[in-house]
C-alpha atoms as a PDB file:
ATOM      1  CA  MET A   1      -5.706   3.271   2.235  1.00  0.00           C
ATOM      2  CA  LYS A   2      -4.460   1.111   5.084  1.00  0.00           C
ATOM      3  CA  SER A   3      -7.214  -1.282   4.245  1.00  0.00           C
ATOM      4  CA  HIS A   4     -10.366  -1.100   2.211  1.00  0.00           C
ATOM      5  CA  ASP A   5     -11.623  -3.232   5.031  1.00  0.00           C
ATOM      6  CA  ASP A   6     -11.736  -0.074   7.214  1.00  0.00           C
ATOM      7  CA  SER A   7      -9.374  -1.889   9.555  1.00  0.00           C
ATOM      8  CA  GLY A   8      -6.415   0.464   9.372  1.00  0.00           C
ATOM      9  CA  GLY A   9      -4.116  -2.507   8.770  1.00  0.00           C
ATOM     10  CA  ILE A  10      -5.756  -5.710   9.989  1.00  0.00           C
ATOM     11  CA  PRO A  11      -3.279  -8.569   9.683  1.00  0.00           C
ATOM     12  CA  ALA A  12      -4.001 -11.301   7.203  1.00  0.00           C
ATOM     13  CA  GLY A  13      -3.967 -14.925   8.249  1.00  0.00           C
ATOM     14  CA  LYS A  14      -7.516 -15.327   9.454  1.00  0.00           C
ATOM     15  CA  GLY A  15      -8.595 -18.877   8.674  1.00  0.00           C
ATOM     16  CA  LEU A  16     -11.134 -19.386   5.927  1.00  0.00           C
ATOM     17  CA  SER A  17     -14.139 -20.929   7.590  1.00  0.00           C
ATOM     18  CA  ILE A  18     -16.005 -23.652   5.732  1.00  0.00           C
ATOM     19  CA  MET A  19     -19.751 -23.858   5.268  1.00  0.00           C
ATOM     20  CA  GLU A  20     -21.757 -27.016   5.708  1.00  0.00           C
ATOM     21  CA  ASP A  21     -21.199 -29.321   2.736  1.00  0.00           C
ATOM     22  CA  ARG A  22     -24.800 -29.073   1.540  1.00  0.00           C
ATOM     23  CA  ASP A  23     -24.883 -25.294   1.790  1.00  0.00           C
ATOM     24  CA  LEU A  24     -21.502 -24.987   0.115  1.00  0.00           C
ATOM     25  CA  GLN A  25     -22.599 -27.215  -2.748  1.00  0.00           C
ATOM     26  CA  PHE A  26     -25.703 -25.093  -3.302  1.00  0.00           C
ATOM     27  CA  ALA A  27     -23.681 -21.869  -3.102  1.00  0.00           C
ATOM     28  CA  LEU A  28     -21.113 -23.145  -5.604  1.00  0.00           C
ATOM     29  CA  THR A  29     -23.852 -24.259  -7.985  1.00  0.00           C
ATOM     30  CA  THR A  30     -25.355 -20.790  -7.761  1.00  0.00           C
ATOM     31  CA  LEU A  31     -21.980 -19.171  -8.453  1.00  0.00           C
ATOM     32  CA  ILE A  32     -21.457 -21.338 -11.539  1.00  0.00           C
ATOM     33  CA  ARG A  33     -24.978 -20.697 -12.806  1.00  0.00           C
ATOM     34  CA  GLU A  34     -24.916 -16.936 -12.278  1.00  0.00           C
ATOM     35  CA  SER A  35     -21.348 -16.317 -13.409  1.00  0.00           C
ATOM     36  CA  ARG A  36     -21.462 -18.321 -16.632  1.00  0.00           C
ATOM     37  CA  HIS A  37     -22.837 -15.202 -18.352  1.00  0.00           C
ATOM     38  CA  TRP A  38     -20.169 -12.871 -16.981  1.00  0.00           C
ATOM     39  CA  ALA A  39     -17.784 -13.598 -19.843  1.00  0.00           C
ATOM     40  CA  SER A  40     -20.242 -11.908 -22.227  1.00  0.00           C
ATOM     41  CA  VAL A  41     -19.834  -8.473 -20.619  1.00  0.00           C
ATOM     42  CA  HIS A  42     -17.984  -5.766 -22.533  1.00  0.00           C
ATOM     43  CA  ARG A  43     -16.891  -3.507 -19.653  1.00  0.00           C
ATOM     44  CA  GLY A  44     -15.581  -3.968 -16.153  1.00  0.00           C
ATOM     45  CA  LEU A  45     -18.406  -1.872 -14.714  1.00  0.00           C
ATOM     46  CA  GLU A  46     -20.983  -4.274 -16.133  1.00  0.00           C
ATOM     47  CA  LEU A  47     -19.079  -7.151 -14.527  1.00  0.00           C
ATOM     48  CA  PHE A  48     -19.095  -5.421 -11.128  1.00  0.00           C
ATOM     49  CA  TYR A  49     -22.844  -4.890 -11.323  1.00  0.00           C
ATOM     50  CA  ARG A  50     -23.450  -8.545 -12.118  1.00  0.00           C
ATOM     51  CA  ALA A  51     -21.218  -9.667  -9.255  1.00  0.00           C
ATOM     52  CA  ARG A  52     -23.030  -7.214  -6.974  1.00  0.00           C
ATOM     53  CA  ASP A  53     -26.396  -8.753  -7.909  1.00  0.00           C
ATOM     54  CA  LEU A  54     -25.089 -12.224  -7.102  1.00  0.00           C
ATOM     55  CA  LEU A  55     -23.779 -11.143  -3.708  1.00  0.00           C
ATOM     56  CA  LYS A  56     -26.988  -9.288  -2.837  1.00  0.00           C
ATOM     57  CA  GLU A  57     -29.575 -11.750  -4.034  1.00  0.00           C
ATOM     58  CA  HIS A  58     -27.978 -15.117  -3.328  1.00  0.00           C
ATOM     59  CA  TYR A  59     -25.309 -14.634  -0.649  1.00  0.00           C
ATOM     60  CA  HIS A  60     -27.076 -12.081   1.584  1.00  0.00           C
ATOM     61  CA  VAL A  61     -24.304  -9.500   1.474  1.00  0.00           C
ATOM     62  CA  ASP A  62     -25.981  -6.300   2.679  1.00  0.00           C
ATOM     63  CA  SER A  63     -23.524  -3.807   1.265  1.00  0.00           C
ATOM     64  CA  GLY A  64     -20.233  -3.399  -0.452  1.00  0.00           C
ATOM     65  CA  TYR A  65     -18.339  -1.960  -3.400  1.00  0.00           C
ATOM     66  CA  PHE A  66     -15.470  -2.711  -5.723  1.00  0.00           C
ATOM     67  CA  VAL A  67     -12.222  -0.755  -5.911  1.00  0.00           C
ATOM     68  CA  TYR A  68     -10.268  -1.000  -9.147  1.00  0.00           C
ATOM     69  CA  LYS A  69      -7.366   0.776 -10.775  1.00  0.00           C
ATOM     70  CA  LYS A  70      -7.675   0.738 -14.540  1.00  0.00           C
ATOM     71  CA  THR A  71      -4.535   0.249 -16.537  1.00  0.00           C
ATOM     72  CA  ALA A  72      -3.816   3.016 -18.998  1.00  0.00           C
ATOM     73  CA  GLY A  73      -4.877   1.704 -22.378  1.00  0.00           C
ATOM     74  CA  TRP A  74      -3.035   2.207 -25.629  1.00  0.00           C
ATOM     75  CA  GLY A  75      -3.158   5.843 -26.653  1.00  0.00           C
ATOM     76  CA  THR A  76      -4.017   6.956 -23.105  1.00  0.00           C
ATOM     77  CA  LYS A  77      -1.780   9.521 -21.457  1.00  0.00           C
ATOM     78  CA  SER A  78      -3.536  10.192 -18.169  1.00  0.00           C
ATOM     79  CA  GLU A  79      -2.592   8.448 -14.929  1.00  0.00           C
ATOM     80  CA  GLN A  80      -5.241   6.000 -13.777  1.00  0.00           C
ATOM     81  CA  GLN A  81      -6.416   6.048 -10.147  1.00  0.00           C
ATOM     82  CA  PHE A  82      -8.199   3.655  -7.816  1.00  0.00           C
ATOM     83  CA  ARG A  83     -11.925   4.232  -8.183  1.00  0.00           C
ATOM     84  CA  VAL A  84     -15.057   2.983  -6.442  1.00  0.00           C
ATOM     85  CA  TYR A  85     -17.489   0.998  -8.576  1.00  0.00           C
ATOM     86  CA  ALA A  86     -21.012  -0.412  -8.128  1.00  0.00           C
ATOM     87  CA  PRO A  87     -21.565   0.477  -4.441  1.00  0.00           C
ATOM     88  CA  TRP A  88     -24.704  -0.844  -2.781  1.00  0.00           C
ATOM     89  CA  GLY A  89     -26.439  -1.299   0.553  1.00  0.00           C
ATOM     90  CA  ILE A  90     -26.199   0.201   3.986  1.00  0.00           C
ATOM     91  CA  LEU A  91     -22.963   2.130   3.767  1.00  0.00           C
ATOM     92  CA  PRO A  92     -23.665   5.835   4.307  1.00  0.00           C
ATOM     93  CA  GLY A  93     -23.744   8.255   1.427  1.00  0.00           C
ATOM     94  CA  CYS A  94     -23.112   7.368  -2.171  1.00  0.00           C
ATOM     95  CA  GLU A  95     -20.277   6.689  -4.563  1.00  0.00           C
ATOM     96  CA  LYS A  96     -18.774  10.156  -4.073  1.00  0.00           C
ATOM     97  CA  VAL A  97     -18.580   9.668  -0.313  1.00  0.00           C
ATOM     98  CA  LEU A  98     -16.920   6.291  -0.706  1.00  0.00           C
ATOM     99  CA  GLN A  99     -14.498   7.707  -3.272  1.00  0.00           C
ATOM    100  CA  LYS A 100     -13.438  10.406  -0.838  1.00  0.00           C
ATOM    101  CA  GLU A 101     -12.741   7.722   1.743  1.00  0.00           C
ATOM    102  CA  VAL A 102     -10.710   5.696  -0.746  1.00  0.00           C
ATOM    103  CA  ASP A 103      -8.742   8.831  -1.735  1.00  0.00           C
ATOM    104  CA  ARG A 104      -8.111   9.598   1.934  1.00  0.00           C
ATOM    105  CA  GLN A 105      -6.802   6.101   2.562  1.00  0.00           C
ATOM    106  CA  LEU A 106      -4.615   6.294  -0.550  1.00  0.00           C
ATOM    107  CA  LEU A 107      -2.754   9.185   1.067  1.00  0.00           C
ATOM    108  CA  MET A 108      -2.044   6.963   4.073  1.00  0.00           C
ATOM    109  CA  SER A 109      -0.590   4.019   2.180  1.00  0.00           C
ATOM    110  CA  PRO A 110       1.469   3.895  -1.030  1.00  0.00           C
ATOM    111  CA  ASN A 111       0.255   0.333  -1.604  1.00  0.00           C
ATOM    112  CA  PRO A 112      -3.474   0.233  -0.838  1.00  0.00           C
ATOM    113  CA  LEU A 113      -3.755  -3.456  -1.708  1.00  0.00           C
ATOM    114  CA  GLN A 114      -1.271  -4.804   0.827  1.00  0.00           C
ATOM    115  CA  HIS A 115      -3.642  -4.889   3.820  1.00  0.00           C
ATOM    116  CA  VAL A 116      -6.703  -7.016   3.193  1.00  0.00           C
ATOM    117  CA  SER A 117      -8.538  -9.558   5.311  1.00  0.00           C
ATOM    118  CA  GLU A 118      -9.318 -12.238   2.662  1.00  0.00           C
ATOM    119  CA  ASP A 119     -11.992 -13.438   5.101  1.00  0.00           C
ATOM    120  CA  TRP A 120     -14.907 -12.135   7.148  1.00  0.00           C
ATOM    121  CA  LEU A 121     -14.009 -10.199  10.278  1.00  0.00           C
ATOM    122  CA  ASN A 122     -16.248  -9.989  13.331  1.00  0.00           C
ATOM    123  CA  ILE A 123     -16.926  -6.507  14.651  1.00  0.00           C
ATOM    124  CA  LEU A 124     -15.141  -7.531  17.877  1.00  0.00           C
ATOM    125  CA  ASP A 125     -11.963  -8.308  15.909  1.00  0.00           C
ATOM    126  CA  VAL A 126     -11.456  -4.869  14.402  1.00  0.00           C
ATOM    127  CA  PRO A 127      -9.874  -1.752  15.940  1.00  0.00           C
ATOM    128  CA  HIS A 128     -12.099   0.445  18.088  1.00  0.00           C
ATOM    129  CA  PRO A 129     -12.476   3.308  15.547  1.00  0.00           C
ATOM    130  CA  VAL A 130     -13.671   0.783  12.978  1.00  0.00           C
ATOM    131  CA  GLN A 131     -16.056  -0.759  15.512  1.00  0.00           C
ATOM    132  CA  LYS A 132     -17.670   2.623  16.074  1.00  0.00           C
ATOM    133  CA  ARG A 133     -18.219   3.125  12.328  1.00  0.00           C
ATOM    134  CA  TRP A 134     -19.611  -0.360  11.919  1.00  0.00           C
ATOM    135  CA  GLN A 135     -21.969   0.134  14.855  1.00  0.00           C
ATOM    136  CA  THR A 136     -23.221   3.368  13.293  1.00  0.00           C
ATOM    137  CA  TRP A 137     -23.900   1.525  10.052  1.00  0.00           C
ATOM    138  CA  GLY A 138     -25.374  -1.561  11.721  1.00  0.00           C
ATOM    139  CA  VAL A 139     -22.535  -3.753  10.447  1.00  0.00           C
ATOM    140  CA  GLN A 140     -21.557  -6.931  12.287  1.00  0.00           C
ATOM    141  CA  THR A 141     -19.103  -8.497   9.840  1.00  0.00           C
ATOM    142  CA  GLY A 142     -16.953  -7.211   7.014  1.00  0.00           C
ATOM    143  CA  GLY A 143     -14.122  -8.238   4.787  1.00  0.00           C
ATOM    144  CA  SER A 144     -12.072  -7.415   1.691  1.00  0.00           C
ATOM    145  CA  TRP A 145     -10.800  -9.717  -1.041  1.00  0.00           C
ATOM    146  CA  LEU A 146      -8.158  -8.998  -3.653  1.00  0.00           C
ATOM    147  CA  LEU A 147      -8.934  -8.894  -7.370  1.00  0.00           C
ATOM    148  CA  TYR A 148      -6.181 -10.033  -9.726  1.00  0.00           C
ATOM    149  CA  ILE A 149      -5.316  -9.866 -13.380  1.00  0.00           C
ATOM    150  CA  GLY A 150      -2.843 -12.665 -13.861  1.00  0.00           C
ATOM    151  CA  GLN A 151      -0.568 -12.466 -10.832  1.00  0.00           C
ATOM    152  CA  ASP A 152      -1.007  -8.741 -10.342  1.00  0.00           C
ATOM    153  CA  PRO A 153      -3.455  -7.379  -7.736  1.00  0.00           C
ATOM    154  CA  VAL A 154      -5.541  -4.645  -9.337  1.00  0.00           C
ATOM    155  CA  GLY A 155      -8.374  -4.010  -6.906  1.00  0.00           C
ATOM    156  CA  LEU A 156     -10.610  -5.134  -4.069  1.00  0.00           C
ATOM    157  CA  MET A 157     -14.046  -6.545  -3.400  1.00  0.00           C
ATOM    158  CA  VAL A 158     -15.186  -4.945  -0.130  1.00  0.00           C
ATOM    159  CA  LEU A 159     -18.210  -6.477   1.632  1.00  0.00           C
ATOM    160  CA  ARG A 160     -20.313  -5.829   4.768  1.00  0.00           C
ATOM    161  CA  ARG A 161     -23.107  -7.681   6.577  1.00  0.00           C
ATOM    162  CA  ARG A 162     -25.621  -6.790   9.261  1.00  0.00           C
ATOM    163  CA  ILE A 163     -25.636 -10.356  10.542  1.00  0.00           C
ATOM    164  CA  LEU A 164     -22.876 -12.396  12.168  1.00  0.00           C
ATOM    165  CA  LYS A 165     -22.484 -14.782   9.248  1.00  0.00           C
ATOM    166  CA  THR A 166     -18.827 -15.688   8.793  1.00  0.00           C
ATOM    167  CA  ASP A 167     -18.805 -19.265   7.549  1.00  0.00           C
ATOM    168  CA  ASP A 168     -18.571 -18.514   3.822  1.00  0.00           C
ATOM    169  CA  GLY A 169     -15.284 -16.657   3.587  1.00  0.00           C
ATOM    170  CA  LEU A 170     -13.958 -19.276   1.179  1.00  0.00           C
ATOM    171  CA  LEU A 171     -16.985 -18.751  -1.035  1.00  0.00           C
ATOM    172  CA  MET A 172     -16.307 -15.005  -1.142  1.00  0.00           C
ATOM    173  CA  SER A 173     -12.747 -15.817  -2.214  1.00  0.00           C
ATOM    174  CA  LEU A 174     -14.145 -17.891  -5.058  1.00  0.00           C
ATOM    175  CA  VAL A 175     -16.422 -15.030  -6.130  1.00  0.00           C
ATOM    176  CA  ALA A 176     -13.419 -12.677  -6.151  1.00  0.00           C
ATOM    177  CA  ARG A 177     -11.435 -15.203  -8.182  1.00  0.00           C
ATOM    178  CA  GLN A 178     -14.246 -15.575 -10.700  1.00  0.00           C
ATOM    179  CA  VAL A 179     -14.478 -11.787 -11.062  1.00  0.00           C
ATOM    180  CA  SER A 180     -10.698 -11.696 -11.520  1.00  0.00           C
ATOM    181  CA  LEU A 181     -10.788 -14.303 -14.294  1.00  0.00           C
ATOM    182  CA  VAL A 182     -13.372 -12.302 -16.241  1.00  0.00           C
ATOM    183  CA  MET A 183     -11.381  -9.104 -15.708  1.00  0.00           C
ATOM    184  CA  GLU A 184      -8.371 -10.861 -17.235  1.00  0.00           C
ATOM    185  CA  LEU A 185     -10.493 -11.956 -20.191  1.00  0.00           C
ATOM    186  CA  LEU A 186     -11.671  -8.369 -20.668  1.00  0.00           C
ATOM    187  CA  ARG A 187      -8.042  -7.184 -20.592  1.00  0.00           C
ATOM    188  CA  TYR A 188      -7.020  -9.591 -23.357  1.00  0.00           C
ATOM    189  CA  ARG A 189     -10.101  -8.711 -25.375  1.00  0.00           C
ATOM    190  CA  ARG A 190      -9.359  -5.019 -25.005  1.00  0.00           C
ATOM    191  CA  ALA A 191      -5.726  -5.487 -26.034  1.00  0.00           C
ATOM    192  CA  ALA A 192      -6.790  -7.360 -29.162  1.00  0.00           C
ATOM    193  CA  GLU A 193      -9.328  -4.670 -30.030  1.00  0.00           C
ATOM    194  CA  GLU A 194      -6.768  -1.895 -29.567  1.00  0.00           C
ATOM    195  CA  ALA A 195      -4.234  -3.749 -31.729  1.00  0.00           C
ATOM    196  CA  SER A 196      -6.810  -3.954 -34.512  1.00  0.00           C
ATOM    197  CA  GLN A 197      -7.197  -0.165 -34.407  1.00  0.00           C
ATOM    198  CA  GLN A 198      -3.503   0.749 -34.501  1.00  0.00           C
ATOM    199  CA  ASP A 199      -1.441   1.397 -37.597  1.00  0.00           C
ATOM    200  CA  PRO A 200       1.519  -0.996 -37.261  1.00  0.00           C
ATOM    201  CA  LEU A 201       3.973   1.256 -39.128  1.00  0.00           C
ATOM    202  CA  THR A 202       3.405   4.626 -37.460  1.00  0.00           C
ATOM    203  CA  GLY A 203       1.862   3.667 -34.095  1.00  0.00           C
ATOM    204  CA  VAL A 204      -1.070   6.079 -34.415  1.00  0.00           C
ATOM    205  CA  PHE A 205      -4.653   5.003 -35.021  1.00  0.00           C
ATOM    206  CA  ASN A 206      -5.417   3.343 -38.294  1.00  0.00           C
ATOM    207  CA  ARG A 207      -8.438   4.460 -40.325  1.00  0.00           C
ATOM    208  CA  ARG A 208     -10.799   2.161 -38.430  1.00  0.00           C
ATOM    209  CA  GLY A 209      -9.534   3.254 -35.015  1.00  0.00           C
ATOM    210  CA  ALA A 210      -9.652   6.960 -35.890  1.00  0.00           C
ATOM    211  CA  MET A 211     -13.143   6.676 -37.331  1.00  0.00           C
ATOM    212  CA  MET A 212     -14.467   4.844 -34.264  1.00  0.00           C
ATOM    213  CA  ARG A 213     -13.176   7.563 -31.960  1.00  0.00           C
ATOM    214  CA  ILE A 214     -14.432  10.360 -34.184  1.00  0.00           C
ATOM    215  CA  GLU A 215     -17.901   8.778 -34.134  1.00  0.00           C
ATOM    216  CA  THR A 216     -17.759   8.573 -30.341  1.00  0.00           C
ATOM    217  CA  LEU A 217     -16.802  12.242 -30.020  1.00  0.00           C
ATOM    218  CA  VAL A 218     -19.575  13.271 -32.383  1.00  0.00           C
ATOM    219  CA  ARG A 219     -22.146  11.412 -30.273  1.00  0.00           C
ATOM    220  CA  VAL A 220     -21.150  13.210 -27.070  1.00  0.00           C
ATOM    221  CA  ARG A 221     -20.386  16.564 -28.679  1.00  0.00           C
ATOM    222  CA  GLN A 222     -22.137  19.563 -27.134  1.00  0.00           C
ATOM    223  CA  ALA A 223     -23.798  22.083 -29.436  1.00  0.00           C
ATOM    224  CA  HIS A 224     -21.261  24.771 -28.544  1.00  0.00           C
ATOM    225  CA  ASP A 225     -18.211  22.510 -29.012  1.00  0.00           C
ATOM    226  CA  HIS A 226     -16.057  23.203 -32.069  1.00  0.00           C
ATOM    227  CA  TRP A 227     -13.666  20.514 -33.248  1.00  0.00           C
ATOM    228  CA  VAL A 228     -10.944  21.211 -35.798  1.00  0.00           C
ATOM    229  CA  PHE A 229     -10.694  18.376 -38.341  1.00  0.00           C
ATOM    230  CA  VAL A 230      -7.514  18.383 -40.443  1.00  0.00           C
ATOM    231  CA  ILE A 231      -6.326  16.202 -43.321  1.00  0.00           C
ATOM    232  CA  PHE A 232      -2.555  16.145 -43.905  1.00  0.00           C
ATOM    233  CA  ASP A 233      -0.894  14.772 -47.031  1.00  0.00           C
ATOM    234  CA  VAL A 234       2.853  14.309 -47.503  1.00  0.00           C
ATOM    235  CA  ASN A 235       3.983  16.297 -50.530  1.00  0.00           C
ATOM    236  CA  HIS A 236       5.735  14.412 -53.367  1.00  0.00           C
ATOM    237  CA  PHE A 237       5.632  11.159 -51.417  1.00  0.00           C
ATOM    238  CA  LYS A 238       5.857   9.036 -54.572  1.00  0.00           C
ATOM    239  CA  GLU A 239       9.122  10.756 -55.487  1.00  0.00           C
ATOM    240  CA  ILE A 240      10.458  10.038 -51.978  1.00  0.00           C
ATOM    241  CA  ASN A 241       9.762   6.333 -52.443  1.00  0.00           C
ATOM    242  CA  ASP A 242      11.088   6.259 -56.019  1.00  0.00           C
ATOM    243  CA  GLN A 243      14.246   8.294 -55.437  1.00  0.00           C
ATOM    244  CA  ARG A 244      15.176   7.419 -51.850  1.00  0.00           C
ATOM    245  CA  GLY A 245      13.610   3.989 -51.476  1.00  0.00           C
ATOM    246  CA  HIS A 246      10.618   2.587 -49.627  1.00  0.00           C
ATOM    247  CA  PRO A 247      12.463   2.217 -46.276  1.00  0.00           C
ATOM    248  CA  GLU A 248      13.051   5.971 -46.384  1.00  0.00           C
ATOM    249  CA  GLY A 249       9.391   6.488 -47.269  1.00  0.00           C
ATOM    250  CA  ASP A 250       8.373   4.422 -44.237  1.00  0.00           C
ATOM    251  CA  ARG A 251      10.708   6.490 -42.047  1.00  0.00           C
ATOM    252  CA  VAL A 252       9.099   9.696 -43.332  1.00  0.00           C
ATOM    253  CA  LEU A 253       5.603   8.400 -42.511  1.00  0.00           C
ATOM    254  CA  LYS A 254       6.663   7.399 -38.984  1.00  0.00           C
ATOM    255  CA  ASN A 255       8.286  10.774 -38.364  1.00  0.00           C
ATOM    256  CA  VAL A 256       5.298  12.724 -39.689  1.00  0.00           C
ATOM    257  CA  ALA A 257       2.951  10.701 -37.469  1.00  0.00           C
ATOM    258  CA  GLN A 258       5.154  11.371 -34.453  1.00  0.00           C
ATOM    259  CA  ILE A 259       5.208  15.118 -35.126  1.00  0.00           C
ATOM    260  CA  LEU A 260       1.466  15.391 -35.707  1.00  0.00           C
ATOM    261  CA  SER A 261       0.601  13.438 -32.570  1.00  0.00           C
ATOM    262  CA  SER A 262       3.276  14.722 -30.177  1.00  0.00           C
ATOM    263  CA  ASP A 263       1.476  17.888 -29.039  1.00  0.00           C
ATOM    264  CA  LEU A 264      -2.068  16.542 -28.913  1.00  0.00           C
ATOM    265  CA  ARG A 265      -4.009  16.664 -25.664  1.00  0.00           C
ATOM    266  CA  GLU A 266      -5.899  13.830 -24.014  1.00  0.00           C
ATOM    267  CA  GLY A 267      -8.965  13.170 -26.135  1.00  0.00           C
ATOM    268  CA  ASP A 268      -7.506  14.531 -29.385  1.00  0.00           C
ATOM    269  CA  ILE A 269      -7.132  12.093 -32.264  1.00  0.00           C
ATOM    270  CA  CYS A 270      -4.387  11.409 -34.786  1.00  0.00           C
ATOM    271  CA  GLY A 271      -4.707   8.629 -37.330  1.00  0.00           C
ATOM    272  CA  ARG A 272      -3.185   7.392 -40.555  1.00  0.00           C
ATOM    273  CA  TRP A 273      -6.059   7.559 -43.013  1.00  0.00           C
ATOM    274  CA  GLY A 274      -4.216   5.592 -45.681  1.00  0.00           C
ATOM    275  CA  GLY A 275      -1.028   5.796 -47.723  1.00  0.00           C
ATOM    276  CA  ASP A 276       0.627   9.132 -46.967  1.00  0.00           C
ATOM    277  CA  GLU A 277      -2.540  10.773 -45.635  1.00  0.00           C
ATOM    278  CA  PHE A 278      -3.173  11.543 -41.946  1.00  0.00           C
ATOM    279  CA  VAL A 279      -6.116  13.039 -40.065  1.00  0.00           C
ATOM    280  CA  VAL A 280      -6.124  15.022 -36.834  1.00  0.00           C
ATOM    281  CA  LEU A 281      -9.161  15.974 -34.762  1.00  0.00           C
ATOM    282  CA  LEU A 282      -8.762  18.341 -31.836  1.00  0.00           C
ATOM    283  CA  LYS A 283     -10.973  20.576 -29.749  1.00  0.00           C
ATOM    284  CA  SER A 284     -10.182  24.234 -30.339  1.00  0.00           C
ATOM    285  CA  PRO A 285     -11.869  27.597 -30.909  1.00  0.00           C
ATOM    286  CA  GLU A 286     -12.709  28.252 -34.558  1.00  0.00           C
ATOM    287  CA  ALA A 287     -10.425  31.276 -34.784  1.00  0.00           C
ATOM    288  CA  LEU A 288      -7.342  29.215 -33.899  1.00  0.00           C
ATOM    289  CA  ALA A 289      -7.802  26.610 -36.641  1.00  0.00           C
ATOM    290  CA  PRO A 290      -5.584  28.297 -39.303  1.00  0.00           C
ATOM    291  CA  GLU A 291      -2.874  28.930 -36.719  1.00  0.00           C
ATOM    292  CA  ILE A 292      -2.926  25.302 -35.531  1.00  0.00           C
ATOM    293  CA  VAL A 293      -2.695  23.956 -39.062  1.00  0.00           C
ATOM    294  CA  SER A 294       0.096  26.359 -39.992  1.00  0.00           C
ATOM    295  CA  ARG A 295       2.066  25.484 -36.856  1.00  0.00           C
ATOM    296  CA  LEU A 296       1.894  21.737 -37.564  1.00  0.00           C
ATOM    297  CA  LYS A 297       2.923  22.215 -41.192  1.00  0.00           C
ATOM    298  CA  THR A 298       5.863  24.362 -40.129  1.00  0.00           C
ATOM    299  CA  LYS A 299       6.921  21.832 -37.493  1.00  0.00           C
ATOM    300  CA  VAL A 300       7.066  19.053 -40.096  1.00  0.00           C
ATOM    301  CA  ALA A 301       9.031  21.201 -42.546  1.00  0.00           C
ATOM    302  CA  THR A 302      11.570  22.374 -39.962  1.00  0.00           C
ATOM    303  CA  THR A 303      12.018  18.985 -38.287  1.00  0.00           C
ATOM    304  CA  LEU A 304      12.314  16.734 -41.335  1.00  0.00           C
ATOM    305  CA  ARG A 305      14.794  17.328 -44.122  1.00  0.00           C
ATOM    306  CA  ASN A 306      13.205  17.897 -47.543  1.00  0.00           C
ATOM    307  CA  VAL A 307       9.769  16.847 -46.311  1.00  0.00           C
ATOM    308  CA  SER A 308       6.627  18.969 -46.191  1.00  0.00           C
ATOM    309  CA  VAL A 309       2.896  18.402 -45.865  1.00  0.00           C
ATOM    310  CA  SER A 310      -0.195  19.999 -47.315  1.00  0.00           C
ATOM    311  CA  ALA A 311      -3.282  20.379 -45.155  1.00  0.00           C
ATOM    312  CA  GLY A 312      -6.977  21.035 -45.367  1.00  0.00           C
ATOM    313  CA  TRP A 313      -9.187  21.735 -42.387  1.00  0.00           C
ATOM    314  CA  ALA A 314     -12.808  22.177 -41.404  1.00  0.00           C
ATOM    315  CA  ILE A 315     -14.651  23.097 -38.222  1.00  0.00           C
ATOM    316  CA  TRP A 316     -17.150  20.601 -36.864  1.00  0.00           C
ATOM    317  CA  GLY A 317     -20.271  22.615 -36.087  1.00  0.00           C
ATOM    318  CA  ILE A 318     -19.387  25.427 -38.518  1.00  0.00           C
ATOM    319  CA  ASP A 319     -18.500  23.775 -41.815  1.00  0.00           C
ATOM    320  CA  GLY A 320     -20.782  20.824 -41.176  1.00  0.00           C
ATOM    321  CA  THR A 321     -22.355  18.616 -38.527  1.00  0.00           C
ATOM    322  CA  SER A 322     -21.816  15.242 -40.212  1.00  0.00           C
ATOM    323  CA  PHE A 323     -18.558  13.494 -40.972  1.00  0.00           C
ATOM    324  CA  ASP A 324     -19.181  13.508 -44.727  1.00  0.00           C
ATOM    325  CA  ASP A 325     -19.799  17.265 -44.777  1.00  0.00           C
ATOM    326  CA  VAL A 326     -16.772  18.088 -42.646  1.00  0.00           C
ATOM    327  CA  TYR A 327     -14.513  15.721 -44.583  1.00  0.00           C
ATOM    328  CA  HIS A 328     -15.654  17.205 -47.901  1.00  0.00           C
ATOM    329  CA  VAL A 329     -14.748  20.746 -46.803  1.00  0.00           C
ATOM    330  CA  ALA A 330     -11.364  19.685 -45.413  1.00  0.00           C
ATOM    331  CA  ASP A 331     -10.587  17.649 -48.543  1.00  0.00           C
ATOM    332  CA  ARG A 332     -11.412  20.600 -50.804  1.00  0.00           C
ATOM    333  CA  ARG A 333      -9.080  22.845 -48.825  1.00  0.00           C
ATOM    334  CA  LEU A 334      -6.387  20.152 -48.933  1.00  0.00           C
ATOM    335  CA  TYR A 335      -6.633  20.075 -52.729  1.00  0.00           C
ATOM    336  CA  GLN A 336      -6.249  23.859 -52.850  1.00  0.00           C
ATOM    337  CA  ASP A 337      -3.229  23.730 -50.541  1.00  0.00           C
ATOM    338  CA  LYS A 338      -1.547  21.027 -52.639  1.00  0.00           C
ATOM    339  CA  LYS A 339      -1.967  23.153 -55.755  1.00  0.00           C
ATOM    340  CA  ILE A 340      -0.161  25.984 -53.991  1.00  0.00           C
ATOM    341  CA  SER A 341       2.611  23.601 -52.806  1.00  0.00           C
ATOM    342  CA  SER A 342       3.121  22.297 -56.346  1.00  0.00           C
ATOM    343  CA  SER A 343       3.319  25.709 -57.938  1.00  0.00           C
END
């Protein structure tokens, strides 16, 4: 991605042109008025849409889009990629077309954020291949502005115009900065929310965090999807604390959590339900449920010295379609398994 400005590497350093004082004052007042509600958004996508509306309705920006690389959140294993968000206007195609172009440019540059204009560029100032594309689209000016979180560049605001209006490049920089400030606020808010859902001892979800994610999965679950819900309980945990001490008990809980969560796939859930009890939710065919549970129990027993777990499981969609029903079945089977372990 030599440049999201379509320039193939246009050098920075273009001077930021200044609007007439009266026009600039009105534009800044509009930015303050429209953006004062941005801090209330809950997701970056909602922020991009609000910024898009401002650019379209008040600053006469015909088309554009945002490019952003999400940071991998806590509990997320997958690599995040630069994605196109909230495209609008005269650019050909749709979000998929733009995403293909962004992916193509990513292959051309290991650092797609290093070549940006930070100002409007006249069609006559860009390389010939870019001129031809702009002429096809009816574009006369275009530019790209960096988005930051703290000091780190995390994306771009890419804009196009049909008209030769280039005197508000500084204003576009202020819009990008305002978007960046809200993105930083969202990052801090997200970090605080994730911390409130994490068990501080074991590092897996706490009961609240696990329950929130289970509820989300249930909402989007397809009728044919079967989820294996498992409750694990550390056997004789009170004796471990009494005979070997609470620090050893804490170590056992941390090790059990690590074992139960180590082989989970993206989207599976592991949480500490309370005390020495853990829950796991994973997508799997019904027939494999006993094998999965047995494998995890065996892994705990063979990895940790003198430690074992009992387990009870239920199939979401077979044993019940509500959390209470599924939990009841799994808890009953857990009780039966603990009786066998104690005998």
